[in-house]
Amino acid sequence: MFQKRFLIGLLIIVILTPQTPKENTLLLDFNESGIFSTYSESKTVLRALTYITIFIYFLNLFL
């Protein structure tokens, strides 16, 4: 149980912390990685990943 919560907490820190209103360094890293063909595609994937991470956190919190 502790390991699962620790990993989810670490995932949240890694994904949500670099995303600030002024500069989203994680989005720039996603775009420059070469995995995504356009900036819009990397932005869409990062947005979905962010919402999924938050959902997993709340699911784990209440279950």
PDB file of N, CA and C in Angstrom:
ATOM      1  N   MET A   1       0.824  -1.188   0.000  1.00  0.00           N
ATOM      2  CA  MET A   1       0.000   0.000   0.000  1.00  0.00           C
ATOM      3  C   MET A   1       0.871   1.257   0.000  1.00  0.00           C
ATOM      4  N   PHE A   2       1.899   1.263   0.845  1.00  0.00           N
ATOM      5  CA  PHE A   2       2.778   2.429   0.918  1.00  0.00           C
ATOM      6  C   PHE A   2       3.522   2.639  -0.395  1.00  0.00           C
ATOM      7  N   GLN A   3       3.997   1.555  -1.001  1.00  0.00           N
ATOM      8  CA  GLN A   3       4.753   1.672  -2.244  1.00  0.00           C
ATOM      9  C   GLN A   3       3.886   2.244  -3.361  1.00  0.00           C
ATOM     10  N   LYS A   4       2.628   1.818  -3.405  1.00  0.00           N
ATOM     11  CA  LYS A   4       1.715   2.309  -4.432  1.00  0.00           C
ATOM     12  C   LYS A   4       1.476   3.803  -4.263  1.00  0.00           C
ATOM     13  N   ARG A   5       1.226   4.243  -3.038  1.00  0.00           N
ATOM     14  CA  ARG A   5       1.007   5.671  -2.782  1.00  0.00           C
ATOM     15  C   ARG A   5       2.274   6.476  -3.040  1.00  0.00           C
ATOM     16  N   PHE A   6       3.401   5.915  -2.691  1.00  0.00           N
ATOM     17  CA  PHE A   6       4.671   6.598  -2.930  1.00  0.00           C
ATOM     18  C   PHE A   6       4.895   6.795  -4.424  1.00  0.00           C
ATOM     19  N   LEU A   7       4.647   5.766  -5.219  1.00  0.00           N
ATOM     20  CA  LEU A   7       4.843   5.869  -6.663  1.00  0.00           C
ATOM     21  C   LEU A   7       3.872   6.858  -7.292  1.00  0.00           C
ATOM     22  N   ILE A   8       2.625   6.860  -6.845  1.00  0.00           N
ATOM     23  CA  ILE A   8       1.652   7.815  -7.370  1.00  0.00           C
ATOM     24  C   ILE A   8       2.046   9.238  -6.984  1.00  0.00           C
ATOM     25  N   GLY A   9       2.493   9.432  -5.754  1.00  0.00           N
ATOM     26  CA  GLY A   9       2.954  10.751  -5.325  1.00  0.00           C
ATOM     27  C   GLY A   9       4.154  11.224  -6.123  1.00  0.00           C
ATOM     28  N   LEU A  10       5.075  10.328  -6.375  1.00  0.00           N
ATOM     29  CA  LEU A  10       6.253  10.662  -7.173  1.00  0.00           C
ATOM     30  C   LEU A  10       5.859  11.015  -8.605  1.00  0.00           C
ATOM     31  N   LEU A  11       4.923  10.266  -9.170  1.00  0.00           N
ATOM     32  CA  LEU A  11       4.433  10.539 -10.519  1.00  0.00           C
ATOM     33  C   LEU A  11       3.792  11.920 -10.594  1.00  0.00           C
ATOM     34  N   ILE A  12       3.025  12.267  -9.585  1.00  0.00           N
ATOM     35  CA  ILE A  12       2.388  13.585  -9.555  1.00  0.00           C
ATOM     36  C   ILE A  12       3.434  14.688  -9.466  1.00  0.00           C
ATOM     37  N   ILE A  13       4.432  14.502  -8.639  1.00  0.00           N
ATOM     38  CA  ILE A  13       5.486  15.513  -8.511  1.00  0.00           C
ATOM     39  C   ILE A  13       6.235  15.682  -9.826  1.00  0.00           C
ATOM     40  N   VAL A  14       6.529  14.594 -10.490  1.00  0.00           N
ATOM     41  CA  VAL A  14       7.294  14.657 -11.742  1.00  0.00           C
ATOM     42  C   VAL A  14       6.473  15.289 -12.864  1.00  0.00           C
ATOM     43  N   ILE A  15       5.169  15.033 -12.889  1.00  0.00           N
ATOM     44  CA  ILE A  15       4.342  15.536 -13.987  1.00  0.00           C
ATOM     45  C   ILE A  15       3.796  16.936 -13.714  1.00  0.00           C
ATOM     46  N   LEU A  16       3.341  17.212 -12.508  1.00  0.00           N
ATOM     47  CA  LEU A  16       2.669  18.483 -12.248  1.00  0.00           C
ATOM     48  C   LEU A  16       3.598  19.622 -11.850  1.00  0.00           C
ATOM     49  N   THR A  17       4.685  19.344 -11.189  1.00  0.00           N
ATOM     50  CA  THR A  17       5.553  20.413 -10.701  1.00  0.00           C
ATOM     51  C   THR A  17       6.172  21.258 -11.820  1.00  0.00           C
ATOM     52  N   PRO A  18       6.666  20.687 -12.916  1.00  0.00           N
ATOM     53  CA  PRO A  18       7.274  21.537 -13.951  1.00  0.00           C
ATOM     54  C   PRO A  18       6.274  22.399 -14.723  1.00  0.00           C
ATOM     55  N   GLN A  19       4.975  22.167 -14.546  1.00  0.00           N
ATOM     56  CA  GLN A  19       3.976  22.910 -15.292  1.00  0.00           C
ATOM     57  C   GLN A  19       3.561  24.154 -14.509  1.00  0.00           C
ATOM     58  N   THR A  20       4.123  25.279 -14.893  1.00  0.00           N
ATOM     59  CA  THR A  20       3.806  26.546 -14.245  1.00  0.00           C
ATOM     60  C   THR A  20       3.081  27.445 -15.243  1.00  0.00           C
ATOM     61  N   PRO A  21       2.367  28.462 -14.760  1.00  0.00           N
ATOM     62  CA  PRO A  21       1.649  29.354 -15.689  1.00  0.00           C
ATOM     63  C   PRO A  21       2.564  30.100 -16.665  1.00  0.00           C
ATOM     64  N   LYS A  22       3.774  30.428 -16.234  1.00  0.00           N
ATOM     65  CA  LYS A  22       4.673  31.175 -17.113  1.00  0.00           C
ATOM     66  C   LYS A  22       5.383  30.280 -18.123  1.00  0.00           C
ATOM     67  N   GLU A  23       5.856  29.136 -17.676  1.00  0.00           N
ATOM     68  CA  GLU A  23       6.638  28.268 -18.556  1.00  0.00           C
ATOM     69  C   GLU A  23       6.351  26.812 -18.218  1.00  0.00           C
ATOM     70  N   ASN A  24       6.070  26.051 -19.239  1.00  0.00           N
ATOM     71  CA  ASN A  24       5.800  24.634 -19.060  1.00  0.00           C
ATOM     72  C   ASN A  24       6.998  23.863 -19.618  1.00  0.00           C
ATOM     73  N   THR A  25       7.978  23.619 -18.769  1.00  0.00           N
ATOM     74  CA  THR A  25       9.201  22.957 -19.230  1.00  0.00           C
ATOM     75  C   THR A  25       8.950  21.516 -19.660  1.00  0.00           C
ATOM     76  N   LEU A  26       7.996  20.868 -19.030  1.00  0.00           N
ATOM     77  CA  LEU A  26       7.691  19.490 -19.409  1.00  0.00           C
ATOM     78  C   LEU A  26       7.132  19.435 -20.829  1.00  0.00           C
ATOM     79  N   LEU A  27       6.315  20.408 -21.191  1.00  0.00           N
ATOM     80  CA  LEU A  27       5.779  20.464 -22.548  1.00  0.00           C
ATOM     81  C   LEU A  27       6.896  20.694 -23.564  1.00  0.00           C
ATOM     82  N   LEU A  28       7.833  21.537 -23.226  1.00  0.00           N
ATOM     83  CA  LEU A  28       8.977  21.754 -24.121  1.00  0.00           C
ATOM     84  C   LEU A  28       9.812  20.485 -24.262  1.00  0.00           C
ATOM     85  N   ASP A  29       9.998  19.761 -23.164  1.00  0.00           N
ATOM     86  CA  ASP A  29      10.738  18.494 -23.222  1.00  0.00           C
ATOM     87  C   ASP A  29      10.002  17.467 -24.071  1.00  0.00           C
ATOM     88  N   PHE A  30       8.673  17.402 -23.924  1.00  0.00           N
ATOM     89  CA  PHE A  30       7.878  16.486 -24.740  1.00  0.00           C
ATOM     90  C   PHE A  30       8.030  16.842 -26.217  1.00  0.00           C
ATOM     91  N   ASN A  31       7.950  18.123 -26.526  1.00  0.00           N
ATOM     92  CA  ASN A  31       8.017  18.568 -27.915  1.00  0.00           C
ATOM     93  C   ASN A  31       9.391  18.309 -28.524  1.00  0.00           C
ATOM     94  N   GLU A  32      10.445  18.523 -27.763  1.00  0.00           N
ATOM     95  CA  GLU A  32      11.808  18.355 -28.277  1.00  0.00           C
ATOM     96  C   GLU A  32      12.277  16.902 -28.289  1.00  0.00           C
ATOM     97  N   SER A  33      11.504  16.004 -27.686  1.00  0.00           N
ATOM     98  CA  SER A  33      11.932  14.608 -27.608  1.00  0.00           C
ATOM     99  C   SER A  33      11.910  13.904 -28.961  1.00  0.00           C
ATOM    100  N   GLY A  34      11.105  14.404 -29.884  1.00  0.00           N
ATOM    101  CA  GLY A  34      11.017  13.776 -31.191  1.00  0.00           C
ATOM    102  C   GLY A  34       9.949  12.700 -31.269  1.00  0.00           C
ATOM    103  N   ILE A  35       9.286  12.410 -30.176  1.00  0.00           N
ATOM    104  CA  ILE A  35       8.227  11.397 -30.170  1.00  0.00           C
ATOM    105  C   ILE A  35       6.971  11.938 -30.850  1.00  0.00           C
ATOM    106  N   PHE A  36       6.702  13.220 -30.657  1.00  0.00           N
ATOM    107  CA  PHE A  36       5.496  13.837 -31.204  1.00  0.00           C
ATOM    108  C   PHE A  36       5.865  14.681 -32.418  1.00  0.00           C
ATOM    109  N   SER A  37       4.989  14.664 -33.419  1.00  0.00           N
ATOM    110  CA  SER A  37       5.307  15.368 -34.658  1.00  0.00           C
ATOM    111  C   SER A  37       5.032  16.864 -34.578  1.00  0.00           C
ATOM    112  N   THR A  38       4.067  17.268 -33.762  1.00  0.00           N
ATOM    113  CA  THR A  38       3.745  18.692 -33.659  1.00  0.00           C
ATOM    114  C   THR A  38       3.656  19.113 -32.199  1.00  0.00           C
ATOM    115  N   TYR A  39       3.729  20.425 -32.006  1.00  0.00           N
ATOM    116  CA  TYR A  39       3.596  21.000 -30.664  1.00  0.00           C
ATOM    117  C   TYR A  39       2.200  20.726 -30.116  1.00  0.00           C
ATOM    118  N   SER A  40       1.202  20.821 -30.979  1.00  0.00           N
ATOM    119  CA  SER A  40      -0.182  20.587 -30.564  1.00  0.00           C
ATOM    120  C   SER A  40      -0.388  19.153 -30.079  1.00  0.00           C
ATOM    121  N   GLU A  41       0.222  18.210 -30.750  1.00  0.00           N
ATOM    122  CA  GLU A  41       0.102  16.810 -30.354  1.00  0.00           C
ATOM    123  C   GLU A  41       0.738  16.570 -28.983  1.00  0.00           C
ATOM    124  N   SER A  42       1.900  17.142 -28.755  1.00  0.00           N
ATOM    125  CA  SER A  42       2.548  16.971 -27.450  1.00  0.00           C
ATOM    126  C   SER A  42       1.750  17.658 -26.351  1.00  0.00           C
ATOM    127  N   LYS A  43       1.129  18.786 -26.660  1.00  0.00           N
ATOM    128  CA  LYS A  43       0.293  19.491 -25.682  1.00  0.00           C
ATOM    129  C   LYS A  43      -0.943  18.665 -25.327  1.00  0.00           C
ATOM    130  N   THR A  44      -1.559  18.044 -26.317  1.00  0.00           N
ATOM    131  CA  THR A  44      -2.738  17.208 -26.078  1.00  0.00           C
ATOM    132  C   THR A  44      -2.391  15.994 -25.224  1.00  0.00           C
ATOM    133  N   VAL A  45      -1.286  15.352 -25.523  1.00  0.00           N
ATOM    134  CA  VAL A  45      -0.865  14.171 -24.759  1.00  0.00           C
ATOM    135  C   VAL A  45      -0.523  14.554 -23.326  1.00  0.00           C
ATOM    136  N   LEU A  46       0.170  15.664 -23.142  1.00  0.00           N
ATOM    137  CA  LEU A  46       0.521  16.106 -21.792  1.00  0.00           C
ATOM    138  C   LEU A  46      -0.723  16.474 -20.991  1.00  0.00           C
ATOM    139  N   ARG A  47      -1.687  17.119 -21.630  1.00  0.00           N
ATOM    140  CA  ARG A  47      -2.932  17.463 -20.939  1.00  0.00           C
ATOM    141  C   ARG A  47      -3.658  16.191 -20.495  1.00  0.00           C
ATOM    142  N   ALA A  48      -3.757  15.208 -21.385  1.00  0.00           N
ATOM    143  CA  ALA A  48      -4.415  13.949 -21.036  1.00  0.00           C
ATOM    144  C   ALA A  48      -3.658  13.229 -19.922  1.00  0.00           C
ATOM    145  N   LEU A  49      -2.349  13.215 -20.001  1.00  0.00           N
ATOM    146  CA  LEU A  49      -1.525  12.573 -18.978  1.00  0.00           C
ATOM    147  C   LEU A  49      -1.699  13.252 -17.620  1.00  0.00           C
ATOM    148  N   THR A  50      -1.816  14.566 -17.630  1.00  0.00           N
ATOM    149  CA  THR A  50      -2.026  15.313 -16.388  1.00  0.00           C
ATOM    150  C   THR A  50      -3.363  14.955 -15.758  1.00  0.00           C
ATOM    151  N   TYR A  51      -4.431  14.963 -16.557  1.00  0.00           N
ATOM    152  CA  TYR A  51      -5.751  14.624 -16.018  1.00  0.00           C
ATOM    153  C   TYR A  51      -5.820  13.178 -15.538  1.00  0.00           C
ATOM    154  N   ILE A  52      -5.201  12.268 -16.259  1.00  0.00           N
ATOM    155  CA  ILE A  52      -5.186  10.860 -15.845  1.00  0.00           C
ATOM    156  C   ILE A  52      -4.439  10.697 -14.531  1.00  0.00           C
ATOM    157  N   THR A  53      -3.330  11.408 -14.372  1.00  0.00           N
ATOM    158  CA  THR A  53      -2.560  11.336 -13.129  1.00  0.00           C
ATOM    159  C   THR A  53      -3.363  11.860 -11.946  1.00  0.00           C
ATOM    160  N   ILE A  54      -4.050  12.974 -12.138  1.00  0.00           N
ATOM    161  CA  ILE A  54      -4.887  13.526 -11.063  1.00  0.00           C
ATOM    162  C   ILE A  54      -6.021  12.565 -10.732  1.00  0.00           C
ATOM    163  N   PHE A  55      -6.636  11.963 -11.752  1.00  0.00           N
ATOM    164  CA  PHE A  55      -7.713  11.004 -11.530  1.00  0.00           C
ATOM    165  C   PHE A  55      -7.213   9.789 -10.749  1.00  0.00           C
ATOM    166  N   ILE A  56      -6.055   9.270 -11.103  1.00  0.00           N
ATOM    167  CA  ILE A  56      -5.482   8.123 -10.389  1.00  0.00           C
ATOM    168  C   ILE A  56      -5.201   8.487  -8.936  1.00  0.00           C
ATOM    169  N   TYR A  57      -4.715   9.700  -8.712  1.00  0.00           N
ATOM    170  CA  TYR A  57      -4.444  10.142  -7.340  1.00  0.00           C
ATOM    171  C   TYR A  57      -5.726  10.147  -6.509  1.00  0.00           C
ATOM    172  N   PHE A  58      -6.785  10.756  -7.034  1.00  0.00           N
ATOM    173  CA  PHE A  58      -8.036  10.808  -6.281  1.00  0.00           C
ATOM    174  C   PHE A  58      -8.675   9.432  -6.140  1.00  0.00           C
ATOM    175  N   LEU A  59      -8.555   8.607  -7.147  1.00  0.00           N
ATOM    176  CA  LEU A  59      -9.071   7.245  -7.059  1.00  0.00           C
ATOM    177  C   LEU A  59      -8.358   6.480  -5.954  1.00  0.00           C
ATOM    178  N   ASN A  60      -7.058   6.629  -5.876  1.00  0.00           N
ATOM    179  CA  ASN A  60      -6.273   5.971  -4.839  1.00  0.00           C
ATOM    180  C   ASN A  60      -6.568   6.556  -3.461  1.00  0.00           C
ATOM    181  N   LEU A  61      -6.843   7.844  -3.409  1.00  0.00           N
ATOM    182  CA  LEU A  61      -7.107   8.511  -2.142  1.00  0.00           C
ATOM    183  C   LEU A  61      -8.409   8.032  -1.512  1.00  0.00           C
ATOM    184  N   PHE A  62      -9.431   7.838  -2.322  1.00  0.00           N
ATOM    185  CA  PHE A  62     -10.745   7.499  -1.789  1.00  0.00           C
ATOM    186  C   PHE A  62     -11.054   6.008  -1.781  1.00  0.00           C
ATOM    187  N   LEU A  63     -10.225   5.193  -2.383  1.00  0.00           N
ATOM    188  CA  LEU A  63     -10.500   3.742  -2.374  1.00  0.00           C
ATOM    189  C   LEU A  63      -9.551   2.996  -1.497  1.00  0.00           C
TER     190      LEU A  63
END
